[in-house]
Structure formats: C-alpha cells, structure tokens
Amino acid sequence: MMRGLAAALLLATLPAFAQPAPAPPAQVQPEAGTAPAQKHDGVVRFYNREILTLRSEFLGRPPELRAAAAEANIQRIVDRPGMPEVGFRKSDQGTLLLLGSELVTLITPGDLDALHEQTMEQAQAEAARRLEEAVRTARHDRLPGNLTRGILWSLASTAMAVLAIMGLVWLGGRSRERLKRWMARHAQPNEPLQHVMLGLRVFGDWVFRLLVAILVLLVLEEWLRFVLGRFGFTRPWSEAMTAWIVGRLAAWSTAIASAIPGLVTAVVIFLLARLVARTVTLTFKGIQSGRFQLFGIDRELAEPTRKLVIVVVWLFALAMAYPYLPGSDTDAFKGLSVLVGLMVSLGASGIVGQAAGGFTIVYSRTMKAGDYVRSGDIEGVVQQIGLFTTRLRTLTGVEVSIPNNVVLGGQLHNYSRHPEGPGMWLETGVTIGYDAPWRQVQRMLLEAAARTDGILTEPKPFVLQTALSDFYVEYLLRARIPDPLRRPLLLTQLHANIQDVFNSEGVQIMSPHYVADPDQPKLVPPQHWERLPGPGETSTGGNAGDAT
C-alpha cells in the first residue's frame, strides 16, 4: 500500500518537472476563518484563486514544491475536455485530493491549520468548495461569447464612468460659479462684509473641489470593481475590493460608534469650562466696574487676572478632555503630542519668560498705563503693559516696545508716582559761582518757576543745593506738573524764565574755572547776602555759573 501510494504521488508530480514553472500567481485576499500563510508554506492557486495551503513536507519535498506540483496537476486535468468532479480518498498518510478521479495532491495532518484547530473534514470541505468554484469559473470563461460579453460590459461601463465624471466636473464648476455670484451679490452693500465673503468664497471653492475629487474617485473605484468582476480570472480582485470597502465602512462605523461616548464626555467638559469661564468673566467685570473686590484684586488687576484665570480654566479642561478625544491613544496622536511638546520646550522658554515678566510688572504695581517712566535710556508715557512687551510713547511721539524681561532686568524710574497727587516732577539744575548769594539764587529759581504757566503751586516748587563743587554751587529746581506729555514745552518755558530772571537781577549764568588765584577771595559781603546790586547800582562784583 505504501509503495503504491508513493509511486502514484511520484507520477502525479512528474508534470511539474516536464512543464515550465508557473509564474508567481497574484496575491488574493484569504477568506475569513483561515490563518494567513507563512512565508515557508506552499499555497496552491488556480485561476487566480487560493485553493489550499500546504504546511508540511512529504517524502522530503518542501511545501512550495508540493504546491507547484498540485497547480500543474490541476491545470493539466482542467485542460482536458469535460467537467471533472472533486473527490477525496482516505490513506494512511492523510487524504488524497482528486479531480476527475486523478490525483492532485495529498493533504497530510501537518497541513491543517493548528492555530484555528482545523480538522481534516473542514480542510476537505473548504478545498472542495474552492476548487469546484475555480474549475467552474475557468470552464465558464472558455465558453464562446463569455469573453466578448465581458469586454462589451467593460466598454459600456467605461463610457458611463466617463460621462459620470464629466457630469460631476461640470456640476462642480456650476456650483462654484453660483456660490461666487451669490456671495458677490450679498457682499455689495457692506464693504467690510466683502472681505469675509471673499474668504468664505475661497473656502467654499476648495470644499466643492474636494467633494468633486472624492466623488470622481468613488466613480473610478466602482468602475474598476465592475470591470474586474466581468471576468472570472479578475473577479477575486473585485471581491477583494468589495470586502475592503465593506471592511473599511464597518471599521469606520464601529470607530464612530465607540467614539460617541468619549465625544459626549469631552463636549460636557468643554461646556462646563465655558460656563466657568463666563462666570469668571462676569465676576471680574464686577470688580472692574468697582462694585466689589475679591481677594484684594482691584480695578487695575481685574482684566489681567481674568485673562490668566480663563487660560488656566481652558488648559485644565483640555487636559481633562484629552483622554476622551477619538484617537488620543493612537501612536499618531502620541507622536503629535511629543512633537508639540518638543516645539514648546525649545521655543517657548523666552515667551514664558516674557509672559512672566508681564504678570510681574502688573501685579507688582511698579507702573500702570498713563504713568511717565524711564526704562534705561527710553523715557515716555506707558501706553500698554502687554503679556510680552510694554509700550511707551516718547515725548517726541515715537512709540517704543520694550520686552518685559528687559524692563524687569533694568532700572525703572516712575515719575508719576507721588503721594501728593497726579502728574510728575520736573527737574532742572544750574551751577552758580560762590560769589552769588545762595538765597538770591534760590529766590530767582522759584520766581522763574512761578512765571511758568503749567507748573502746579501745590505741592510748591523747591530748590535743593545738591553739591558744593570746587568753583560753583549746584542748584536743583523741582516743580510738579500735571501732564507728563507737556514736559518738553514746560521745560523750555522754565529755562527761558530762568534766563530772564537772572538777567533782570544781574547775575551771570556762568560756571567759573580755575586759571589763577584771584586778587581778592570770591566771597559775598554780609551786606549783600540777600542779593547782589543790580545793573547801575554800586556793585562789588559777582560772577555766577552755568545752567545745565
């Protein structure tokens, strides 16, 4: 019995050596319920269909050679006239697969799918069904007229697909034109609306183009699937396309259905965050209007605190809703999160420092909008304390933006902060020689301040002797002005009045320097301590210094 079986199998495999090796068959999607073939398995295919998977060696022949011999046997039997039937015969080594009472191959227990616990009866039924279908299809395609009928159906479907694509392209163009005319008609009365409509028109145009492209791809896919289904050899590809589309639709439907609870949870979280944000906004609007205070926050700090709290609320909501977003646990989403985190860590250090500086300036109350300050070499009125920069408007009308960390890192002089009222202190100095009475110099400086319109009388201007230098005394006049923006004009008027008062009193604004010892000491006689004699009066002399 063993010798007869071995001789029969040897004779059955001889045609595989007498004929050229068949070309590698096209890959066909394996049916559900079968394990995918390993790279060392031999898959028996006929007429572009998978018939059987051989997984074990027999008589020293690997599965690949066994599969090639089985394919050659099937082709040889089918080429003969008649419709062969599929049959099986039991043997000691397994089950013989017969086609028209001729041996195709031997199915051994090692060929069974152990992963799915396949039995010999299941393997026989599956192989018989697939082989019968493949043989029947091959016979059917050889009948007269079947190939011609398939070609005619393919030509007809091609013409219909071309007409459908042309119709879709024409319909998309007409729709875009109608959308363009409708938007142009409704945007004419309102000039600002034209810019919005222009953006909507461009967006709508691209949406229509995308829809047309998707529909064209669907038409091409259906056309290709229909044409492949007209011929028996290519029908498995058509069925594979159908199975792929159905599988994709089923997977998408399952994904959408499974994502709905998470989306609902995320929407609820965002709605709660919006409710909290609106409550925070109303609360800080009340603080800003002066109706009440909260945790020591006044009107000045209400707006920046509101923005900070709202940002924290939305960041917290995003962190809470992130796990419920569809695809948040996928590798793509995780990779995107890593990329965003890397970009933020590399580029946001300076931005975070600027923002922290802005909040520090606001909450430390070092200055506010409207104050006249000097930061470094820049002097001007504070226009805005932003999140990243502070804007100053100089006295010449130039707007300067200074980074907040620069403001914090340097010295900041705020001329508008004074307990006695609004405005700023105006300062100017002169250097006068020791031969001029200091009482007279102070009185003249105060007189010049009194003549200057725009200098406040309360608090009163005053004069300081800031230094007793080698050749002169340094005097500093300080006066309060209500408007920092008028500082250049008022300083010009004050300097003019100082010159007029000193000229009328006969005191020279000149700073002496050492050349030689004078004949007499440069002193003020006691009788002239209040003032020096004016022009035309008896004078003992007296030179005074230079205005700075």
Protein backbone atom coordinates (compact mmCIF):
# COMPACT_ATOMS: atom_id res chain seq x y z
CA MET A 1 0.00 0.00 0.00
CA MET A 2 2.79 2.44 0.93
CA ARG A 3 4.76 1.67 -2.24
CA GLY A 4 1.70 2.12 -4.43
CA LEU A 5 0.86 5.46 -2.82
CA ALA A 6 4.44 6.73 -3.19
CA ALA A 7 4.52 5.66 -6.86
CA ALA A 8 1.20 7.41 -7.53
CA LEU A 9 2.39 10.64 -5.92
CA LEU A 10 5.67 10.48 -7.85
CA LEU A 11 3.80 10.06 -11.14
CA ALA A 12 1.48 12.91 -10.17
CA THR A 13 4.40 15.27 -9.66
CA LEU A 14 6.18 14.44 -12.93
CA PRO A 15 4.20 17.04 -14.96
CA ALA A 16 5.53 19.73 -12.69
CA PHE A 17 9.06 18.91 -13.92
CA ALA A 18 8.03 18.43 -17.55
CA GLN A 19 6.37 21.87 -17.76
CA PRO A 20 7.87 25.31 -17.15
CA ALA A 21 7.40 26.58 -13.62
CA PRO A 22 4.26 28.68 -13.43
CA ALA A 23 4.58 32.40 -12.88
CA PRO A 24 4.01 33.56 -9.32
CA PRO A 25 0.25 33.94 -9.00
CA ALA A 26 -1.37 37.17 -7.98
CA GLN A 27 -1.99 37.60 -4.30
CA VAL A 28 -5.61 37.07 -3.33
CA GLN A 29 -7.14 38.12 -0.05
CA PRO A 30 -7.62 34.92 2.02
CA GLU A 31 -11.12 34.26 3.16
CA ALA A 32 -12.21 34.85 6.72
CA GLY A 33 -11.61 31.96 9.08
CA THR A 34 -8.25 30.87 7.60
CA ALA A 35 -4.88 31.61 9.07
CA PRO A 36 -2.56 33.69 6.85
CA ALA A 37 0.04 31.58 5.04
CA GLN A 38 3.55 31.72 6.43
CA LYS A 39 6.44 32.55 4.13
CA HIS A 40 7.57 28.87 4.11
CA ASP A 41 4.09 27.50 3.38
CA GLY A 42 3.04 26.42 -0.09
CA VAL A 43 -0.22 27.91 -1.34
CA VAL A 44 -1.99 26.03 -4.15
CA ARG A 45 -3.65 28.51 -6.52
CA PHE A 46 -5.67 28.03 -9.66
CA TYR A 47 -7.26 30.63 -11.85
CA ASN A 48 -6.21 33.44 -9.51
CA ARG A 49 -7.85 31.72 -6.54
CA GLU A 50 -6.37 30.20 -3.42
CA ILE A 51 -7.32 26.53 -3.17
CA LEU A 52 -5.27 25.02 -0.37
CA THR A 53 -2.32 25.78 1.91
CA LEU A 54 0.30 23.06 2.36
CA ARG A 55 2.33 23.46 5.55
CA SER A 56 4.38 20.27 5.90
CA GLU A 57 6.97 18.31 3.95
CA PHE A 58 6.14 14.96 2.36
CA LEU A 59 8.68 12.46 1.08
CA GLY A 60 11.38 15.11 1.52
CA ARG A 61 9.61 17.66 -0.67
CA PRO A 62 9.01 21.14 0.86
CA PRO A 63 5.53 22.70 0.79
CA GLU A 64 6.47 25.07 -2.06
CA LEU A 65 7.32 22.21 -4.46
CA ARG A 66 4.25 20.27 -3.40
CA ALA A 67 2.08 23.32 -4.15
CA ALA A 68 3.71 23.82 -7.57
CA ALA A 69 3.11 20.16 -8.47
CA ALA A 70 -0.54 20.39 -7.37
CA GLU A 71 -1.10 23.50 -9.51
CA ALA A 72 0.40 21.73 -12.54
CA ASN A 73 -1.87 18.73 -11.95
CA ILE A 74 -4.99 20.91 -11.75
CA GLN A 75 -4.07 22.77 -14.93
CA ARG A 76 -3.40 19.50 -16.78
CA ILE A 77 -6.72 17.99 -15.72
CA VAL A 78 -8.80 21.09 -16.47
CA ASP A 79 -7.30 21.41 -19.95
CA ARG A 80 -8.93 18.10 -20.88
CA PRO A 81 -12.49 18.01 -22.19
CA GLY A 82 -15.29 17.55 -19.73
CA MET A 83 -16.17 18.83 -16.28
CA PRO A 84 -14.10 16.98 -13.67
CA GLU A 85 -15.52 16.46 -10.23
CA VAL A 86 -13.71 16.94 -6.93
CA GLY A 87 -13.28 13.91 -4.72
CA PHE A 88 -11.28 12.59 -1.77
CA ARG A 89 -9.80 9.26 -0.79
CA LYS A 90 -8.51 8.26 2.60
CA SER A 91 -4.94 7.00 3.03
CA ASP A 92 -2.58 6.17 5.85
CA GLN A 93 -0.68 9.46 5.40
CA GLY A 94 -3.76 11.69 5.07
CA THR A 95 -6.40 12.41 2.44
CA LEU A 96 -5.91 12.31 -1.34
CA LEU A 97 -7.41 15.28 -3.19
CA LEU A 98 -8.80 14.03 -6.53
CA LEU A 99 -10.05 15.92 -9.55
CA GLY A 100 -11.85 13.80 -12.11
CA SER A 101 -10.55 10.62 -10.42
CA GLU A 102 -6.96 11.88 -10.89
CA LEU A 103 -4.65 12.77 -8.02
CA VAL A 104 -4.00 16.45 -7.33
CA THR A 105 -2.13 16.29 -4.01
CA LEU A 106 -2.11 14.71 -0.59
CA ILE A 107 -3.48 16.57 2.44
CA THR A 108 -1.50 15.48 5.48
CA PRO A 109 -2.32 16.20 9.14
CA GLY A 110 0.64 18.60 9.14
CA ASP A 111 -1.12 20.72 6.50
CA LEU A 112 -4.02 21.53 8.82
CA ASP A 113 -4.36 24.98 10.41
CA ALA A 114 -3.40 24.26 14.01
CA LEU A 115 -3.91 27.88 15.03
CA HIS A 116 -7.64 27.62 14.35
CA GLU A 117 -7.85 23.92 15.31
CA GLN A 118 -8.84 22.91 11.79
CA THR A 119 -9.97 19.30 11.28
CA MET A 120 -9.42 17.14 8.21
CA GLU A 121 -13.14 17.29 7.38
CA GLN A 122 -13.08 21.09 7.45
CA ALA A 123 -9.99 21.19 5.24
CA GLN A 124 -11.64 18.82 2.74
CA ALA A 125 -14.85 20.84 2.57
CA GLU A 126 -13.00 24.12 2.13
CA ALA A 127 -10.66 22.77 -0.55
CA ALA A 128 -13.55 21.14 -2.43
CA ARG A 129 -15.61 24.33 -2.44
CA ARG A 130 -12.74 26.50 -3.65
CA LEU A 131 -11.53 24.05 -6.28
CA GLU A 132 -15.04 23.48 -7.67
CA GLU A 133 -15.61 27.23 -7.92
CA ALA A 134 -12.26 27.82 -9.64
CA VAL A 135 -12.77 24.98 -12.14
CA ARG A 136 -16.34 26.06 -12.87
CA THR A 137 -15.25 29.66 -13.45
CA ALA A 138 -12.39 28.62 -15.72
CA ARG A 139 -14.73 26.40 -17.77
CA HIS A 140 -17.32 29.17 -17.95
CA ASP A 141 -14.84 31.74 -19.25
CA ARG A 142 -13.80 29.36 -22.03
CA LEU A 143 -17.32 29.17 -23.41
CA PRO A 144 -17.88 31.09 -26.67
CA GLY A 145 -19.18 34.63 -26.15
CA ASN A 146 -18.38 34.99 -22.47
CA LEU A 147 -15.15 36.91 -23.07
CA THR A 148 -16.88 39.08 -25.69
CA ARG A 149 -19.74 39.75 -23.31
CA GLY A 150 -17.30 40.82 -20.59
CA ILE A 151 -15.49 43.17 -22.97
CA LEU A 152 -18.77 44.77 -24.07
CA TRP A 153 -19.86 45.27 -20.47
CA SER A 154 -16.48 46.82 -19.70
CA LEU A 155 -16.75 49.24 -22.64
CA ALA A 156 -20.27 50.23 -21.62
CA SER A 157 -19.26 50.80 -18.01
CA THR A 158 -16.24 52.80 -19.18
CA ALA A 159 -18.47 55.10 -21.24
CA MET A 160 -20.84 55.54 -18.29
CA ALA A 161 -17.94 56.28 -15.94
CA VAL A 162 -16.55 58.91 -18.33
CA LEU A 163 -19.98 60.55 -18.62
CA ALA A 164 -20.41 60.48 -14.84
CA ILE A 165 -17.00 62.08 -14.27
CA MET A 166 -17.69 64.78 -16.87
CA GLY A 167 -21.06 65.44 -15.24
CA LEU A 168 -19.50 65.73 -11.79
CA VAL A 169 -16.82 68.13 -13.04
CA TRP A 170 -19.45 70.26 -14.83
CA LEU A 171 -21.75 70.24 -11.81
CA GLY A 172 -18.89 71.23 -9.51
CA GLY A 173 -17.92 74.14 -11.77
CA ARG A 174 -21.52 75.37 -11.97
CA SER A 175 -21.91 75.12 -8.21
CA ARG A 176 -18.75 77.15 -7.62
CA GLU A 177 -19.90 79.83 -10.06
CA ARG A 178 -23.33 80.06 -8.43
CA LEU A 179 -21.71 80.31 -4.99
CA LYS A 180 -19.40 83.04 -6.27
CA ARG A 181 -22.28 85.09 -7.73
CA TRP A 182 -24.41 84.66 -4.60
CA MET A 183 -21.63 85.86 -2.31
CA ALA A 184 -20.77 88.77 -4.59
CA ARG A 185 -24.42 89.87 -4.63
CA HIS A 186 -24.80 89.76 -0.86
CA ALA A 187 -21.46 91.44 -0.14
CA GLN A 188 -22.04 94.56 -2.28
CA PRO A 189 -23.93 96.74 0.25
CA ASN A 190 -21.45 96.19 3.04
CA GLU A 191 -17.77 96.91 2.40
CA PRO A 192 -16.38 95.08 5.49
CA LEU A 193 -18.54 92.07 4.60
CA GLN A 194 -16.78 91.77 1.25
CA HIS A 195 -13.57 90.63 2.93
CA VAL A 196 -15.44 88.00 4.92
CA MET A 197 -17.29 86.85 1.82
CA LEU A 198 -14.03 86.64 -0.11
CA GLY A 199 -12.59 84.26 2.47
CA LEU A 200 -15.80 82.20 2.52
CA ARG A 201 -15.82 82.05 -1.27
CA VAL A 202 -12.26 80.72 -1.40
CA PHE A 203 -13.07 78.20 1.33
CA GLY A 204 -16.28 77.11 -0.41
CA ASP A 205 -14.47 76.78 -3.73
CA TRP A 206 -11.94 74.39 -2.22
CA VAL A 207 -14.71 72.45 -0.46
CA PHE A 208 -16.52 71.92 -3.77
CA ARG A 209 -13.27 70.87 -5.46
CA LEU A 210 -12.61 68.36 -2.69
CA LEU A 211 -16.13 66.93 -2.91
CA VAL A 212 -15.85 66.57 -6.69
CA ALA A 213 -12.48 64.84 -6.34
CA ILE A 214 -13.90 62.40 -3.78
CA LEU A 215 -16.91 61.61 -5.99
CA VAL A 216 -14.65 61.10 -9.02
CA LEU A 217 -12.51 58.67 -7.04
CA LEU A 218 -15.65 56.79 -5.97
CA VAL A 219 -16.81 56.54 -9.59
CA LEU A 220 -13.39 55.26 -10.68
CA GLU A 221 -13.37 52.70 -7.87
CA GLU A 222 -16.84 51.43 -8.76
CA TRP A 223 -15.93 51.29 -12.45
CA LEU A 224 -12.78 49.31 -11.77
CA ARG A 225 -14.61 46.94 -9.42
CA PHE A 226 -17.34 46.39 -12.01
CA VAL A 227 -14.88 45.73 -14.86
CA LEU A 228 -12.83 43.30 -12.80
CA GLY A 229 -16.00 41.46 -11.85
CA ARG A 230 -16.91 40.81 -15.52
CA PHE A 231 -14.07 38.31 -15.94
CA GLY A 232 -13.62 35.17 -13.93
CA PHE A 233 -9.87 35.47 -13.58
CA THR A 234 -10.01 39.01 -12.13
CA ARG A 235 -13.22 38.51 -10.13
CA PRO A 236 -11.29 37.77 -6.89
CA TRP A 237 -9.73 41.22 -7.12
CA SER A 238 -13.19 42.75 -7.45
CA GLU A 239 -14.41 40.75 -4.48
CA ALA A 240 -11.33 41.79 -2.52
CA MET A 241 -12.07 45.46 -3.29
CA THR A 242 -15.65 44.99 -2.15
CA ALA A 243 -14.50 43.25 1.01
CA TRP A 244 -12.01 46.03 1.66
CA ILE A 245 -14.64 48.75 1.22
CA VAL A 246 -17.14 46.90 3.39
CA GLY A 247 -14.44 46.32 5.97
CA ARG A 248 -13.46 49.98 5.96
CA LEU A 249 -17.08 51.09 6.29
CA ALA A 250 -17.64 48.63 9.10
CA ALA A 251 -14.46 49.74 10.85
CA TRP A 252 -15.39 53.41 10.46
CA SER A 253 -18.90 52.75 11.74
CA THR A 254 -17.54 50.86 14.73
CA ALA A 255 -14.99 53.59 15.42
CA ILE A 256 -17.64 56.31 15.20
CA ALA A 257 -20.00 54.39 17.46
CA SER A 258 -17.25 53.72 20.00
CA ALA A 259 -16.10 57.36 19.88
CA ILE A 260 -19.53 58.84 20.62
CA PRO A 261 -19.39 58.33 24.43
CA GLY A 262 -15.94 59.89 24.60
CA LEU A 263 -17.02 62.81 22.43
CA VAL A 264 -20.07 63.38 24.61
CA THR A 265 -17.84 63.41 27.70
CA ALA A 266 -15.40 65.85 26.06
CA VAL A 267 -18.27 68.12 24.97
CA VAL A 268 -19.66 68.12 28.52
CA ILE A 269 -16.22 69.04 29.88
CA PHE A 270 -15.86 71.91 27.41
CA LEU A 271 -19.39 73.15 28.14
CA LEU A 272 -18.62 73.18 31.86
CA ALA A 273 -15.37 75.02 31.12
CA ARG A 274 -17.29 77.59 29.07
CA LEU A 275 -19.77 78.04 31.92
CA VAL A 276 -16.93 78.55 34.40
CA ALA A 277 -15.21 80.99 32.00
CA ARG A 278 -18.39 83.07 31.65
CA THR A 279 -18.84 83.10 35.42
CA VAL A 280 -15.24 84.26 35.85
CA THR A 281 -15.77 86.97 33.22
CA LEU A 282 -18.90 88.29 34.94
CA THR A 283 -17.15 88.26 38.31
CA PHE A 284 -14.17 90.25 37.11
CA LYS A 285 -16.39 92.65 35.17
CA GLY A 286 -18.00 93.46 38.50
CA ILE A 287 -14.57 94.02 40.05
CA GLN A 288 -13.56 96.21 37.10
CA SER A 289 -16.71 98.32 37.45
CA GLY A 290 -15.95 98.86 41.14
CA ARG A 291 -18.97 97.06 42.59
CA PHE A 292 -16.84 94.82 44.81
CA GLN A 293 -13.35 93.43 45.39
CA LEU A 294 -12.19 89.84 45.55
CA PHE A 295 -9.01 88.61 47.27
CA GLY A 296 -7.55 92.11 47.14
CA ILE A 297 -7.93 92.39 43.35
CA ASP A 298 -8.89 95.93 42.35
CA ARG A 299 -9.90 97.51 39.05
CA GLU A 300 -6.36 97.70 37.77
CA LEU A 301 -5.70 93.98 38.23
CA ALA A 302 -9.17 92.77 37.21
CA GLU A 303 -8.56 92.39 33.46
CA PRO A 304 -5.14 90.64 33.55
CA THR A 305 -6.35 88.36 36.35
CA ARG A 306 -9.45 87.47 34.33
CA LYS A 307 -7.34 86.51 31.32
CA LEU A 308 -5.00 84.43 33.47
CA VAL A 309 -7.83 82.55 35.18
CA ILE A 310 -9.60 81.85 31.86
CA VAL A 311 -6.40 80.45 30.35
CA VAL A 312 -5.97 78.17 33.36
CA VAL A 313 -9.61 77.02 33.11
CA TRP A 314 -9.32 76.11 29.43
CA LEU A 315 -5.97 74.39 29.87
CA PHE A 316 -7.44 72.33 32.69
CA ALA A 317 -10.47 71.47 30.54
CA LEU A 318 -8.23 70.42 27.65
CA ALA A 319 -6.15 68.21 29.93
CA MET A 320 -9.31 66.60 31.33
CA ALA A 321 -10.92 66.07 27.90
CA TYR A 322 -7.79 64.83 26.12
CA PRO A 323 -8.16 61.12 27.09
CA TYR A 324 -11.75 61.12 25.78
CA LEU A 325 -10.89 62.51 22.32
CA PRO A 326 -11.04 59.94 19.49
CA GLY A 327 -7.60 58.64 18.59
CA SER A 328 -5.88 60.04 21.67
CA ASP A 329 -4.40 56.61 22.43
CA THR A 330 -3.05 56.03 18.90
CA ASP A 331 0.63 56.21 18.01
CA ALA A 332 -0.03 59.09 15.60
CA PHE A 333 -1.67 61.17 18.32
CA LYS A 334 1.14 60.33 20.74
CA GLY A 335 3.74 61.29 18.16
CA LEU A 336 1.98 64.60 17.55
CA SER A 337 1.90 65.26 21.29
CA VAL A 338 5.64 64.59 21.52
CA LEU A 339 6.30 66.91 18.57
CA VAL A 340 4.21 69.72 20.06
CA GLY A 341 5.87 69.26 23.44
CA LEU A 342 9.33 69.40 21.85
CA MET A 343 8.46 72.56 19.92
CA VAL A 344 7.07 74.21 23.04
CA SER A 345 10.08 73.23 25.15
CA LEU A 346 12.55 74.54 22.55
CA GLY A 347 10.79 77.74 21.56
CA ALA A 348 8.64 78.78 24.48
CA SER A 349 11.29 79.48 27.13
CA GLY A 350 11.69 83.08 26.03
CA ILE A 351 7.94 83.50 25.56
CA VAL A 352 7.22 82.14 29.02
CA GLY A 353 9.82 84.50 30.47
CA GLN A 354 8.25 87.47 28.70
CA ALA A 355 4.78 86.49 29.91
CA ALA A 356 6.02 86.03 33.48
CA GLY A 357 7.63 89.45 33.26
CA GLY A 358 4.36 90.99 32.12
CA PHE A 359 2.44 89.50 35.04
CA THR A 360 5.19 90.55 37.44
CA ILE A 361 5.01 94.16 36.27
CA VAL A 362 1.23 94.21 36.54
CA TYR A 363 0.94 92.56 39.94
CA SER A 364 3.90 94.37 41.49
CA ARG A 365 2.24 97.69 40.53
CA THR A 366 5.55 99.25 39.55
CA MET A 367 3.74 101.19 36.86
CA LYS A 368 0.43 101.42 35.09
CA ALA A 369 -0.95 102.82 31.86
CA GLY A 370 -0.61 106.61 31.84
CA ASP A 371 2.48 106.78 34.07
CA TYR A 372 5.52 108.69 32.90
CA VAL A 373 8.52 106.38 33.29
CA ARG A 374 12.06 105.89 32.17
CA SER A 375 13.42 102.44 31.40
CA GLY A 376 17.09 102.54 30.55
CA ASP A 377 17.58 105.37 28.07
CA ILE A 378 13.93 105.45 26.99
CA GLU A 379 11.54 107.91 28.58
CA GLY A 380 7.85 108.18 27.88
CA VAL A 381 4.25 107.58 28.87
CA VAL A 382 3.12 103.98 29.40
CA GLN A 383 0.56 103.10 26.75
CA GLN A 384 0.05 99.42 27.50
CA ILE A 385 1.54 96.67 29.64
CA GLY A 386 1.11 93.62 27.45
CA LEU A 387 1.77 89.97 28.07
CA PHE A 388 5.15 90.10 26.32
CA THR A 389 6.07 93.78 25.85
CA THR A 390 5.47 97.19 27.41
CA ARG A 391 4.67 100.04 25.03
CA LEU A 392 5.91 103.57 25.76
CA ARG A 393 5.18 106.75 23.82
CA THR A 394 8.11 109.15 23.99
CA LEU A 395 7.73 112.91 24.21
CA THR A 396 8.54 113.15 20.51
CA GLY A 397 5.55 110.93 19.67
CA VAL A 398 7.52 107.76 18.93
CA GLU A 399 6.03 104.51 20.24
CA VAL A 400 8.64 102.11 21.63
CA SER A 401 8.04 98.47 22.60
CA ILE A 402 10.30 97.11 25.34
CA PRO A 403 10.42 93.39 26.24
CA ASN A 404 9.11 92.80 29.74
CA ASN A 405 12.22 90.94 30.87
CA VAL A 406 14.30 93.98 29.83
CA VAL A 407 12.06 96.24 31.92
CA LEU A 408 12.43 93.94 34.93
CA GLY A 409 16.17 93.49 34.44
CA GLY A 410 16.97 97.21 34.42
CA GLN A 411 16.17 100.27 36.49
CA LEU A 412 12.68 101.69 36.18
CA HIS A 413 12.03 105.32 37.11
CA ASN A 414 8.37 106.20 37.60
CA TYR A 415 7.94 109.97 37.64
CA SER A 416 4.17 109.79 38.05
CA ARG A 417 4.14 108.14 41.49
CA HIS A 418 3.79 110.77 44.22
CA PRO A 419 1.58 110.76 47.30
CA GLU A 420 0.59 114.41 46.79
CA GLY A 421 -1.32 113.96 43.57
CA PRO A 422 -1.16 113.14 39.88
CA GLY A 423 1.40 114.39 37.40
CA MET A 424 5.19 114.23 37.54
CA TRP A 425 8.15 116.10 38.96
CA LEU A 426 10.03 118.41 36.60
CA GLU A 427 13.71 118.92 37.42
CA THR A 428 16.34 121.33 36.11
CA GLY A 429 19.64 122.50 37.55
CA VAL A 430 22.09 125.42 37.35
CA THR A 431 25.65 125.89 38.62
CA ILE A 432 26.42 129.35 40.08
CA GLY A 433 29.70 130.66 41.48
CA TYR A 434 30.35 131.17 45.17
CA ASP A 435 30.26 134.96 44.76
CA ALA A 436 26.48 134.84 44.17
CA PRO A 437 24.26 134.72 47.31
CA TRP A 438 22.60 131.35 47.55
CA ARG A 439 19.44 132.93 48.98
CA GLN A 440 19.14 135.14 45.89
CA VAL A 441 19.75 132.17 43.56
CA GLN A 442 17.02 130.13 45.23
CA ARG A 443 14.62 133.07 45.12
CA MET A 444 15.31 133.63 41.41
CA LEU A 445 14.77 129.96 40.58
CA LEU A 446 11.45 129.94 42.46
CA GLU A 447 10.46 133.17 40.70
CA ALA A 448 11.16 131.55 37.32
CA ALA A 449 9.01 128.58 38.32
CA ALA A 450 6.18 130.91 39.39
CA ARG A 451 6.29 132.66 35.99
CA THR A 452 5.94 129.35 34.10
CA ASP A 453 2.33 128.52 33.24
CA GLY A 454 1.51 124.87 33.85
CA ILE A 455 3.61 124.34 36.97
CA LEU A 456 1.47 123.43 39.95
CA THR A 457 1.50 125.62 43.03
CA GLU A 458 0.68 122.62 45.22
CA PRO A 459 2.93 120.93 46.02
CA LYS A 460 5.13 124.03 45.97
CA PRO A 461 8.31 124.11 43.89
CA PHE A 462 11.54 123.99 45.91
CA VAL A 463 15.29 124.29 45.37
CA LEU A 464 17.98 121.93 46.59
CA GLN A 465 21.73 122.56 46.80
CA THR A 466 22.92 119.20 45.58
CA ALA A 467 26.71 119.80 45.66
CA LEU A 468 29.39 122.31 46.70
CA SER A 469 31.90 121.86 43.90
CA ASP A 470 35.35 123.44 43.59
CA PHE A 471 34.23 126.53 41.70
CA TYR A 472 30.43 126.64 41.95
CA VAL A 473 27.35 125.52 43.80
CA GLU A 474 24.94 123.09 42.11
CA TYR A 475 21.27 124.06 42.47
CA LEU A 476 18.37 121.75 41.56
CA LEU A 477 14.85 123.13 40.99
CA ARG A 478 11.98 120.66 41.37
CA ALA A 479 8.42 121.53 40.37
CA ARG A 480 5.27 119.48 39.86
CA ILE A 481 3.45 119.46 36.51
CA PRO A 482 0.01 117.85 35.93
CA ASP A 483 0.59 116.41 32.46
CA PRO A 484 3.76 114.43 31.69
CA LEU A 485 3.22 114.90 27.96
CA ARG A 486 3.80 118.68 28.37
CA ARG A 487 7.22 118.18 29.93
CA PRO A 488 9.30 119.34 26.90
CA LEU A 489 7.22 122.51 26.42
CA LEU A 490 7.16 123.40 30.13
CA LEU A 491 10.90 122.71 30.48
CA THR A 492 11.58 125.08 27.57
CA GLN A 493 9.43 127.81 29.16
CA LEU A 494 11.09 127.30 32.55
CA HIS A 495 14.59 127.65 31.06
CA ALA A 496 13.53 130.85 29.30
CA ASN A 497 12.12 132.30 32.54
CA ILE A 498 15.30 131.37 34.45
CA GLN A 499 17.37 133.34 31.94
CA ASP A 500 15.03 136.33 32.16
CA VAL A 501 15.03 136.41 35.96
CA PHE A 502 18.82 136.04 36.21
CA ASN A 503 19.34 138.77 33.60
CA SER A 504 16.99 141.14 35.42
CA GLU A 505 18.86 140.51 38.69
CA GLY A 506 22.25 140.98 37.06
CA VAL A 507 23.51 137.51 37.92
CA GLN A 508 25.53 135.81 35.23
CA ILE A 509 24.80 132.17 34.49
CA MET A 510 28.43 131.14 34.06
CA SER A 511 30.47 128.50 35.83
CA PRO A 512 33.97 129.78 36.70
CA HIS A 513 37.01 127.55 36.25
CA TYR A 514 40.42 127.79 37.83
CA VAL A 515 43.09 129.75 35.91
CA ALA A 516 44.89 131.66 38.67
CA ASP A 517 44.31 132.81 42.21
CA PRO A 518 42.09 135.95 42.31
CA ASP A 519 43.35 139.17 43.90
CA GLN A 520 40.52 139.03 46.40
CA PRO A 521 38.65 135.98 47.73
CA LYS A 522 35.43 135.21 45.89
CA LEU A 523 33.11 135.87 48.82
CA VAL A 524 29.76 137.59 49.27
CA PRO A 525 29.92 140.57 51.63
CA PRO A 526 27.47 140.31 54.52
CA GLN A 527 25.54 143.37 53.31
CA HIS A 528 24.82 141.54 50.03
CA TRP A 529 23.78 138.18 51.44
CA GLU A 530 20.19 138.70 50.35
CA ARG A 531 21.03 139.95 46.86
CA LEU A 532 23.75 141.47 44.73
CA PRO A 533 23.41 145.04 43.48
CA GLY A 534 21.64 145.18 40.16
CA PRO A 535 22.83 146.94 36.99
CA GLY A 536 23.57 150.65 37.61
CA GLU A 537 23.95 150.08 41.34
CA THR A 538 27.18 150.11 43.29
CA SER A 539 28.48 146.56 42.97
CA THR A 540 31.38 144.68 44.41
CA GLY A 541 31.18 142.19 41.55
CA GLY A 542 29.99 138.70 41.48
CA ASN A 543 30.06 136.13 38.72
CA ALA A 544 27.77 133.18 38.63
CA GLY A 545 27.68 129.88 36.84
CA ASP A 546 26.28 127.84 34.00
CA ALA A 547 22.83 126.32 33.58
CA THR A 548 22.78 122.65 32.95
